[in-house]
Amino acid sequence: MGLGAQLIHWDDGLCELLAEQGHHVVRFDNRDAGLSTHFHDQGAPTTGAPSAYLLDDLADDTAGLMDALGWPAAHVVGVSMGGMIAQSLAIRHPARVLTLTSIMSTPGPTVAPPTEAAFAALTARSAADRAAVMEQSLETYAVIGSPGYPMDRERIVEKAGRAFDRCFDPAGKGRQLAAIMASGDRTDLLASLTMPALVLHGEADPLVPVEGGRATAAAIPGARLVTYPGMGHDLPEPLWPEIAREITKLTTA
């Protein structure tokens, strides 16, 4: 999943659609998110300080999870920062990635920069209590969400509350963001990939504009690009069946 997000941010409904189409779905917490390892001893990132880790380390974490599962390889799907991790996994461990699906992501931190409003929402100081965090989540998705689809306020608030109860670590999100910025551009390295690849992106994404998806698809030989009008930096429920179909089309080709 993406920056600061937990495995519960993979909606049950989307995972169930993929399972119904024959996939064995595993979702997990990246380091510094959810119930995974948190690098509290590194503190909050500061300007000019070295990053506590890189996206390559999160990619290696994913390969390590696959080892623990006994999976020699898998179909890999990543959203936003998760797409960057999936790209890094494919670069570093190509034999472990049967197919790569990169969703609303980008090959580098300076490719397709966010709008000013989206960047402000991304980097805003986190609220400190549960009710305020839930309200802040609505404010964030009002900026980065999908203008072409109704905003599901109930689902956003409910998920924000569950995420707060499960794990609240704003500094962890900051360390992940520092890792993104420190990891550089993957464009040239993506040219070495040979596995089937799919790039999905919203045409109304203000946080990672659609140019990021186009750049990702252009960098990966043979990658297929699918864009969705009205989709921002989230996964609107009405698009879940189409997203699941596209992923299954890739994995069963």
C-alpha atoms as a PDB file:
ATOM      1  CA  MET A   1       0.000   0.000   0.000  1.00  0.00           C
ATOM      2  CA  GLY A   2       0.924   3.668  -0.129  1.00  0.00           C
ATOM      3  CA  LEU A   3       2.550   6.264   2.062  1.00  0.00           C
ATOM      4  CA  GLY A   4       1.576   5.878   5.715  1.00  0.00           C
ATOM      5  CA  ALA A   5      -1.105   3.343   4.757  1.00  0.00           C
ATOM      6  CA  GLN A   6      -1.746  -0.002   6.385  1.00  0.00           C
ATOM      7  CA  LEU A   7      -2.853  -3.322   4.963  1.00  0.00           C
ATOM      8  CA  ILE A   8      -6.460  -2.449   5.884  1.00  0.00           C
ATOM      9  CA  HIS A   9      -6.301   0.306   3.273  1.00  0.00           C
ATOM     10  CA  TRP A  10      -6.548  -2.496   0.722  1.00  0.00           C
ATOM     11  CA  ASP A  11     -10.340  -2.665   0.799  1.00  0.00           C
ATOM     12  CA  ASP A  12     -11.842  -6.044   1.603  1.00  0.00           C
ATOM     13  CA  GLY A  13     -14.200  -5.707  -1.355  1.00  0.00           C
ATOM     14  CA  LEU A  14     -11.411  -5.279  -3.895  1.00  0.00           C
ATOM     15  CA  CYS A  15      -9.429  -8.155  -2.387  1.00  0.00           C
ATOM     16  CA  GLU A  16     -12.543 -10.357  -2.491  1.00  0.00           C
ATOM     17  CA  LEU A  17     -13.068  -9.545  -6.175  1.00  0.00           C
ATOM     18  CA  LEU A  18      -9.495 -10.631  -6.905  1.00  0.00           C
ATOM     19  CA  ALA A  19      -9.952 -13.797  -4.841  1.00  0.00           C
ATOM     20  CA  GLU A  20     -13.161 -14.604  -6.732  1.00  0.00           C
ATOM     21  CA  GLN A  21     -11.136 -14.430  -9.942  1.00  0.00           C
ATOM     22  CA  GLY A  22      -8.763 -17.094  -8.672  1.00  0.00           C
ATOM     23  CA  HIS A  23      -6.044 -15.148  -6.889  1.00  0.00           C
ATOM     24  CA  HIS A  24      -4.612 -15.948  -3.464  1.00  0.00           C
ATOM     25  CA  VAL A  25      -4.447 -12.403  -2.077  1.00  0.00           C
ATOM     26  CA  VAL A  26      -1.913 -11.346   0.549  1.00  0.00           C
ATOM     27  CA  ARG A  27      -1.832  -7.757   1.822  1.00  0.00           C
ATOM     28  CA  PHE A  28       0.697  -6.553   4.366  1.00  0.00           C
ATOM     29  CA  ASP A  29       2.037  -3.606   6.342  1.00  0.00           C
ATOM     30  CA  ASN A  30       5.216  -1.976   5.067  1.00  0.00           C
ATOM     31  CA  ARG A  31       7.865  -1.090   7.619  1.00  0.00           C
ATOM     32  CA  ASP A  32       6.910   1.941   9.716  1.00  0.00           C
ATOM     33  CA  ALA A  33       3.199   1.253   9.131  1.00  0.00           C
ATOM     34  CA  GLY A  34       0.570  -0.785  10.911  1.00  0.00           C
ATOM     35  CA  LEU A  35       1.831  -3.775  12.895  1.00  0.00           C
ATOM     36  CA  SER A  36       5.122  -4.039  11.013  1.00  0.00           C
ATOM     37  CA  THR A  37       8.499  -3.009  12.428  1.00  0.00           C
ATOM     38  CA  HIS A  38       8.708   0.699  13.299  1.00  0.00           C
ATOM     39  CA  PHE A  39      12.001   2.578  13.316  1.00  0.00           C
ATOM     40  CA  HIS A  40      11.213   4.647  16.392  1.00  0.00           C
ATOM     41  CA  ASP A  41      14.899   4.916  17.302  1.00  0.00           C
ATOM     42  CA  GLN A  42      15.443   6.920  14.097  1.00  0.00           C
ATOM     43  CA  GLY A  43      13.024   9.607  15.277  1.00  0.00           C
ATOM     44  CA  ALA A  44      11.195  11.941  12.927  1.00  0.00           C
ATOM     45  CA  PRO A  45      13.094  12.785   9.723  1.00  0.00           C
ATOM     46  CA  THR A  46      14.782  16.166   9.625  1.00  0.00           C
ATOM     47  CA  THR A  47      15.868  18.296   6.682  1.00  0.00           C
ATOM     48  CA  GLY A  48      19.333  17.345   5.492  1.00  0.00           C
ATOM     49  CA  ALA A  49      19.530  14.178   7.608  1.00  0.00           C
ATOM     50  CA  PRO A  50      20.089  10.867   5.794  1.00  0.00           C
ATOM     51  CA  SER A  51      17.029   8.703   5.256  1.00  0.00           C
ATOM     52  CA  ALA A  52      16.623   5.823   7.708  1.00  0.00           C
ATOM     53  CA  TYR A  53      16.167   3.465   4.746  1.00  0.00           C
ATOM     54  CA  LEU A  54      15.369   3.424   1.023  1.00  0.00           C
ATOM     55  CA  LEU A  55      12.593   1.979  -1.101  1.00  0.00           C
ATOM     56  CA  ASP A  56      15.010  -0.806  -2.003  1.00  0.00           C
ATOM     57  CA  ASP A  57      14.866  -1.892   1.641  1.00  0.00           C
ATOM     58  CA  LEU A  58      11.075  -2.042   1.533  1.00  0.00           C
ATOM     59  CA  ALA A  59      11.342  -4.072  -1.663  1.00  0.00           C
ATOM     60  CA  ASP A  60      13.699  -6.480   0.094  1.00  0.00           C
ATOM     61  CA  ASP A  61      11.200  -6.664   2.967  1.00  0.00           C
ATOM     62  CA  THR A  62       8.606  -7.820   0.445  1.00  0.00           C
ATOM     63  CA  ALA A  63      10.930 -10.500  -0.905  1.00  0.00           C
ATOM     64  CA  GLY A  64      11.540 -11.598   2.681  1.00  0.00           C
ATOM     65  CA  LEU A  65       7.805 -11.898   3.276  1.00  0.00           C
ATOM     66  CA  MET A  66       7.515 -14.046   0.168  1.00  0.00           C
ATOM     67  CA  ASP A  67      10.275 -16.269   1.591  1.00  0.00           C
ATOM     68  CA  ALA A  68       8.291 -16.619   4.818  1.00  0.00           C
ATOM     69  CA  LEU A  69       5.168 -17.519   2.836  1.00  0.00           C
ATOM     70  CA  GLY A  70       7.092 -20.083   0.820  1.00  0.00           C
ATOM     71  CA  TRP A  71       6.320 -18.243  -2.408  1.00  0.00           C
ATOM     72  CA  PRO A  72       9.133 -18.361  -4.968  1.00  0.00           C
ATOM     73  CA  ALA A  73       7.291 -15.734  -7.049  1.00  0.00           C
ATOM     74  CA  ALA A  74       4.045 -13.773  -7.123  1.00  0.00           C
ATOM     75  CA  HIS A  75       1.911 -11.356  -9.109  1.00  0.00           C
ATOM     76  CA  VAL A  76       2.766  -8.030  -7.472  1.00  0.00           C
ATOM     77  CA  VAL A  77       0.418  -5.041  -7.207  1.00  0.00           C
ATOM     78  CA  GLY A  78       1.385  -1.730  -5.604  1.00  0.00           C
ATOM     79  CA  VAL A  79      -0.453   1.550  -5.089  1.00  0.00           C
ATOM     80  CA  SER A  80       1.307   4.936  -4.916  1.00  0.00           C
ATOM     81  CA  MET A  81       4.394   4.369  -2.730  1.00  0.00           C
ATOM     82  CA  GLY A  82       3.488   0.698  -2.971  1.00  0.00           C
ATOM     83  CA  GLY A  83       3.831   0.993  -6.735  1.00  0.00           C
ATOM     84  CA  MET A  84       7.329   2.390  -6.234  1.00  0.00           C
ATOM     85  CA  ILE A  85       8.155  -0.535  -3.939  1.00  0.00           C
ATOM     86  CA  ALA A  86       6.734  -2.983  -6.492  1.00  0.00           C
ATOM     87  CA  GLN A  87       8.895  -1.396  -9.193  1.00  0.00           C
ATOM     88  CA  SER A  88      11.967  -1.710  -6.970  1.00  0.00           C
ATOM     89  CA  LEU A  89      11.095  -5.339  -6.194  1.00  0.00           C
ATOM     90  CA  ALA A  90      10.855  -6.107  -9.914  1.00  0.00           C
ATOM     91  CA  ILE A  91      14.212  -4.432 -10.523  1.00  0.00           C
ATOM     92  CA  ARG A  92      16.038  -6.074  -7.610  1.00  0.00           C
ATOM     93  CA  HIS A  93      14.330  -9.483  -7.652  1.00  0.00           C
ATOM     94  CA  PRO A  94      12.949  -9.953 -11.179  1.00  0.00           C
ATOM     95  CA  ALA A  95      12.572 -13.717 -10.813  1.00  0.00           C
ATOM     96  CA  ARG A  96      10.199 -13.177  -7.878  1.00  0.00           C
ATOM     97  CA  VAL A  97       7.750 -11.018  -9.866  1.00  0.00           C
ATOM     98  CA  LEU A  98       5.501 -12.906 -12.283  1.00  0.00           C
ATOM     99  CA  THR A  99       3.636  -9.750 -13.300  1.00  0.00           C
ATOM    100  CA  LEU A 100       3.873  -6.145 -12.121  1.00  0.00           C
ATOM    101  CA  THR A 101       0.902  -3.832 -11.643  1.00  0.00           C
ATOM    102  CA  SER A 102       1.791  -0.253 -10.714  1.00  0.00           C
ATOM    103  CA  ILE A 103      -1.191   1.876  -9.704  1.00  0.00           C
ATOM    104  CA  MET A 104      -1.167   5.702  -9.400  1.00  0.00           C
ATOM    105  CA  SER A 105       2.597   5.661  -9.023  1.00  0.00           C
ATOM    106  CA  THR A 106       5.692   7.072 -10.684  1.00  0.00           C
ATOM    107  CA  PRO A 107       9.265   6.051 -11.542  1.00  0.00           C
ATOM    108  CA  GLY A 108      10.819   8.866  -9.501  1.00  0.00           C
ATOM    109  CA  PRO A 109      10.071  11.551  -6.904  1.00  0.00           C
ATOM    110  CA  THR A 110      10.531  14.422  -9.352  1.00  0.00           C
ATOM    111  CA  VAL A 111       8.443  12.861 -12.138  1.00  0.00           C
ATOM    112  CA  ALA A 112       4.907  14.306 -12.200  1.00  0.00           C
ATOM    113  CA  PRO A 113       5.138  16.394  -9.000  1.00  0.00           C
ATOM    114  CA  PRO A 114       1.944  16.979  -6.996  1.00  0.00           C
ATOM    115  CA  THR A 115      -0.157  20.091  -7.137  1.00  0.00           C
ATOM    116  CA  GLU A 116       0.500  22.616  -4.402  1.00  0.00           C
ATOM    117  CA  ALA A 117      -2.760  21.763  -2.645  1.00  0.00           C
ATOM    118  CA  ALA A 118      -2.139  18.012  -2.829  1.00  0.00           C
ATOM    119  CA  PHE A 119       1.395  18.363  -1.476  1.00  0.00           C
ATOM    120  CA  ALA A 120       0.090  20.496   1.382  1.00  0.00           C
ATOM    121  CA  ALA A 121      -2.493  17.830   2.225  1.00  0.00           C
ATOM    122  CA  LEU A 122       0.144  15.091   2.075  1.00  0.00           C
ATOM    123  CA  THR A 123       2.598  16.873   4.358  1.00  0.00           C
ATOM    124  CA  ALA A 124       0.158  18.532   6.776  1.00  0.00           C
ATOM    125  CA  ARG A 125       0.929  17.982  10.447  1.00  0.00           C
ATOM    126  CA  SER A 126      -1.085  15.025  11.640  1.00  0.00           C
ATOM    127  CA  ALA A 127      -3.918  15.542  14.078  1.00  0.00           C
ATOM    128  CA  ALA A 128      -3.250  13.980  17.475  1.00  0.00           C
ATOM    129  CA  ASP A 129      -6.510  12.391  18.606  1.00  0.00           C
ATOM    130  CA  ARG A 130      -8.827   9.860  17.003  1.00  0.00           C
ATOM    131  CA  ALA A 131     -11.732  12.171  16.193  1.00  0.00           C
ATOM    132  CA  ALA A 132      -9.452  14.824  14.718  1.00  0.00           C
ATOM    133  CA  VAL A 133      -7.582  12.230  12.625  1.00  0.00           C
ATOM    134  CA  MET A 134     -10.884  11.020  11.199  1.00  0.00           C
ATOM    135  CA  GLU A 135     -11.901  14.571  10.330  1.00  0.00           C
ATOM    136  CA  GLN A 136      -8.483  15.261   8.802  1.00  0.00           C
ATOM    137  CA  SER A 137      -8.859  12.199   6.575  1.00  0.00           C
ATOM    138  CA  LEU A 138     -11.981  13.749   5.077  1.00  0.00           C
ATOM    139  CA  GLU A 139     -10.114  16.997   4.455  1.00  0.00           C
ATOM    140  CA  THR A 140      -7.284  15.106   2.764  1.00  0.00           C
ATOM    141  CA  TYR A 141      -9.520  13.096   0.451  1.00  0.00           C
ATOM    142  CA  ALA A 142     -11.487  16.203  -0.435  1.00  0.00           C
ATOM    143  CA  VAL A 143      -8.221  17.378  -2.036  1.00  0.00           C
ATOM    144  CA  ILE A 144      -6.667  14.192  -3.434  1.00  0.00           C
ATOM    145  CA  GLY A 145      -9.721  11.978  -3.974  1.00  0.00           C
ATOM    146  CA  SER A 146     -11.626  11.284  -7.173  1.00  0.00           C
ATOM    147  CA  PRO A 147     -13.695  14.256  -8.385  1.00  0.00           C
ATOM    148  CA  GLY A 148     -15.554  12.057 -10.846  1.00  0.00           C
ATOM    149  CA  TYR A 149     -17.008   9.813  -8.136  1.00  0.00           C
ATOM    150  CA  PRO A 150     -19.072  10.492  -5.002  1.00  0.00           C
ATOM    151  CA  MET A 151     -16.916  10.861  -1.913  1.00  0.00           C
ATOM    152  CA  ASP A 152     -17.655   7.918   0.405  1.00  0.00           C
ATOM    153  CA  ARG A 153     -17.373   9.853   3.643  1.00  0.00           C
ATOM    154  CA  GLU A 154     -18.527   6.963   5.816  1.00  0.00           C
ATOM    155  CA  ARG A 155     -15.922   4.572   4.426  1.00  0.00           C
ATOM    156  CA  ILE A 156     -13.109   7.144   4.689  1.00  0.00           C
ATOM    157  CA  VAL A 157     -13.921   8.011   8.306  1.00  0.00           C
ATOM    158  CA  GLU A 158     -14.417   4.387   9.350  1.00  0.00           C
ATOM    159  CA  LYS A 159     -11.105   3.349   7.848  1.00  0.00           C
ATOM    160  CA  ALA A 160      -9.273   6.282   9.428  1.00  0.00           C
ATOM    161  CA  GLY A 161     -10.635   5.294  12.820  1.00  0.00           C
ATOM    162  CA  ARG A 162      -9.621   1.661  12.384  1.00  0.00           C
ATOM    163  CA  ALA A 163      -6.150   2.697  11.229  1.00  0.00           C
ATOM    164  CA  PHE A 164      -5.762   4.971  14.275  1.00  0.00           C
ATOM    165  CA  ASP A 165      -6.802   2.158  16.625  1.00  0.00           C
ATOM    166  CA  ARG A 166      -4.484  -0.325  14.948  1.00  0.00           C
ATOM    167  CA  CYS A 167      -1.414   1.928  14.807  1.00  0.00           C
ATOM    168  CA  PHE A 168      -0.816   5.667  15.019  1.00  0.00           C
ATOM    169  CA  ASP A 169       2.708   6.718  14.018  1.00  0.00           C
ATOM    170  CA  PRO A 170       2.935   9.974  12.035  1.00  0.00           C
ATOM    171  CA  ALA A 171       6.742   9.898  12.268  1.00  0.00           C
ATOM    172  CA  GLY A 172       6.714   6.559  10.443  1.00  0.00           C
ATOM    173  CA  LYS A 173       4.928   8.187   7.516  1.00  0.00           C
ATOM    174  CA  GLY A 174       7.604  10.895   7.536  1.00  0.00           C
ATOM    175  CA  ARG A 175      10.373   8.302   7.390  1.00  0.00           C
ATOM    176  CA  GLN A 176       8.644   6.605   4.460  1.00  0.00           C
ATOM    177  CA  LEU A 177       8.376   9.934   2.632  1.00  0.00           C
ATOM    178  CA  ALA A 178      12.083  10.547   3.260  1.00  0.00           C
ATOM    179  CA  ALA A 179      12.799   7.138   1.729  1.00  0.00           C
ATOM    180  CA  ILE A 180      10.835   8.061  -1.401  1.00  0.00           C
ATOM    181  CA  MET A 181      12.753  11.300  -1.813  1.00  0.00           C
ATOM    182  CA  ALA A 182      16.137   9.656  -1.164  1.00  0.00           C
ATOM    183  CA  SER A 183      15.606   6.718  -3.524  1.00  0.00           C
ATOM    184  CA  GLY A 184      16.058   8.585  -6.783  1.00  0.00           C
ATOM    185  CA  ASP A 185      14.690   7.825 -10.219  1.00  0.00           C
ATOM    186  CA  ARG A 186      14.085   4.265 -11.473  1.00  0.00           C
ATOM    187  CA  THR A 187      13.371   5.113 -15.127  1.00  0.00           C
ATOM    188  CA  ASP A 188      16.571   3.665 -16.589  1.00  0.00           C
ATOM    189  CA  LEU A 189      16.428   0.566 -14.375  1.00  0.00           C
ATOM    190  CA  LEU A 190      12.819  -0.143 -15.349  1.00  0.00           C
ATOM    191  CA  ALA A 191      13.990  -0.558 -18.942  1.00  0.00           C
ATOM    192  CA  SER A 192      15.560  -3.890 -17.907  1.00  0.00           C
ATOM    193  CA  LEU A 193      12.254  -5.482 -16.880  1.00  0.00           C
ATOM    194  CA  THR A 194      10.878  -8.338 -18.967  1.00  0.00           C
ATOM    195  CA  MET A 195       7.816  -9.472 -16.992  1.00  0.00           C
ATOM    196  CA  PRO A 196       4.319  -8.456 -18.162  1.00  0.00           C
ATOM    197  CA  ALA A 197       3.393  -5.099 -16.668  1.00  0.00           C
ATOM    198  CA  LEU A 198       0.250  -3.033 -16.209  1.00  0.00           C
ATOM    199  CA  VAL A 199       0.018   0.622 -15.203  1.00  0.00           C
ATOM    200  CA  LEU A 200      -3.287   1.989 -13.878  1.00  0.00           C
ATOM    201  CA  HIS A 201      -3.738   5.693 -13.164  1.00  0.00           C
ATOM    202  CA  GLY A 202      -6.430   8.273 -12.562  1.00  0.00           C
ATOM    203  CA  GLU A 203      -6.594  11.131 -15.031  1.00  0.00           C
ATOM    204  CA  ALA A 204      -7.620  13.518 -12.224  1.00  0.00           C
ATOM    205  CA  ASP A 205      -4.892  12.550  -9.741  1.00  0.00           C
ATOM    206  CA  PRO A 206      -3.442  15.715  -8.121  1.00  0.00           C
ATOM    207  CA  LEU A 207      -0.935  13.937  -5.869  1.00  0.00           C
ATOM    208  CA  VAL A 208       0.761  11.811  -8.531  1.00  0.00           C
ATOM    209  CA  PRO A 209      -0.531  13.317 -11.785  1.00  0.00           C
ATOM    210  CA  VAL A 210      -1.265  10.976 -14.675  1.00  0.00           C
ATOM    211  CA  GLU A 211       2.085  11.896 -16.261  1.00  0.00           C
ATOM    212  CA  GLY A 212       3.645   9.685 -13.571  1.00  0.00           C
ATOM    213  CA  GLY A 213       1.711   6.703 -14.841  1.00  0.00           C
ATOM    214  CA  ARG A 214       2.543   7.521 -18.423  1.00  0.00           C
ATOM    215  CA  ALA A 215       6.230   7.775 -17.526  1.00  0.00           C
ATOM    216  CA  THR A 216       6.088   4.430 -15.716  1.00  0.00           C
ATOM    217  CA  ALA A 217       4.463   2.705 -18.675  1.00  0.00           C
ATOM    218  CA  ALA A 218       6.910   4.293 -21.109  1.00  0.00           C
ATOM    219  CA  ALA A 219       9.860   3.103 -19.034  1.00  0.00           C
ATOM    220  CA  ILE A 220       8.806  -0.576 -18.825  1.00  0.00           C
ATOM    221  CA  PRO A 221       9.082  -2.446 -22.129  1.00  0.00           C
ATOM    222  CA  GLY A 222       5.687  -3.658 -23.293  1.00  0.00           C
ATOM    223  CA  ALA A 223       3.772  -2.221 -20.328  1.00  0.00           C
ATOM    224  CA  ARG A 224       0.070  -1.555 -20.844  1.00  0.00           C
ATOM    225  CA  LEU A 225      -1.323   1.766 -19.624  1.00  0.00           C
ATOM    226  CA  VAL A 226      -4.962   2.190 -18.573  1.00  0.00           C
ATOM    227  CA  THR A 227      -6.191   5.567 -17.327  1.00  0.00           C
ATOM    228  CA  TYR A 228      -9.525   6.412 -15.736  1.00  0.00           C
ATOM    229  CA  PRO A 229     -11.305   9.760 -16.203  1.00  0.00           C
ATOM    230  CA  GLY A 230     -12.446  11.269 -12.922  1.00  0.00           C
ATOM    231  CA  MET A 231     -10.203   9.062 -10.765  1.00  0.00           C
ATOM    232  CA  GLY A 232      -7.911  10.871  -8.331  1.00  0.00           C
ATOM    233  CA  HIS A 233      -5.448   9.469  -5.821  1.00  0.00           C
ATOM    234  CA  ASP A 234      -7.694   6.762  -4.449  1.00  0.00           C
ATOM    235  CA  LEU A 235      -9.505   3.655  -5.617  1.00  0.00           C
ATOM    236  CA  PRO A 236     -13.215   4.492  -6.018  1.00  0.00           C
ATOM    237  CA  GLU A 237     -15.451   1.513  -5.289  1.00  0.00           C
ATOM    238  CA  PRO A 238     -17.281   1.722  -8.668  1.00  0.00           C
ATOM    239  CA  LEU A 239     -13.920   1.039 -10.371  1.00  0.00           C
ATOM    240  CA  TRP A 240     -13.038  -2.049  -8.320  1.00  0.00           C
ATOM    241  CA  PRO A 241     -14.553  -4.551 -10.789  1.00  0.00           C
ATOM    242  CA  GLU A 242     -12.706  -2.924 -13.693  1.00  0.00           C
ATOM    243  CA  ILE A 243      -9.415  -2.793 -11.741  1.00  0.00           C
ATOM    244  CA  ALA A 244      -9.770  -6.458 -10.737  1.00  0.00           C
ATOM    245  CA  ARG A 245     -10.528  -7.422 -14.351  1.00  0.00           C
ATOM    246  CA  GLU A 246      -7.458  -5.575 -15.638  1.00  0.00           C
ATOM    247  CA  ILE A 247      -5.201  -7.249 -13.086  1.00  0.00           C
ATOM    248  CA  THR A 248      -6.658 -10.688 -13.867  1.00  0.00           C
ATOM    249  CA  LYS A 249      -6.285 -10.071 -17.595  1.00  0.00           C
ATOM    250  CA  LEU A 250      -2.572  -9.462 -16.952  1.00  0.00           C
ATOM    251  CA  THR A 251      -2.020 -12.429 -14.622  1.00  0.00           C
ATOM    252  CA  THR A 252      -3.827 -14.937 -16.832  1.00  0.00           C
ATOM    253  CA  ALA A 253      -2.496 -13.841 -20.217  1.00  0.00           C
END
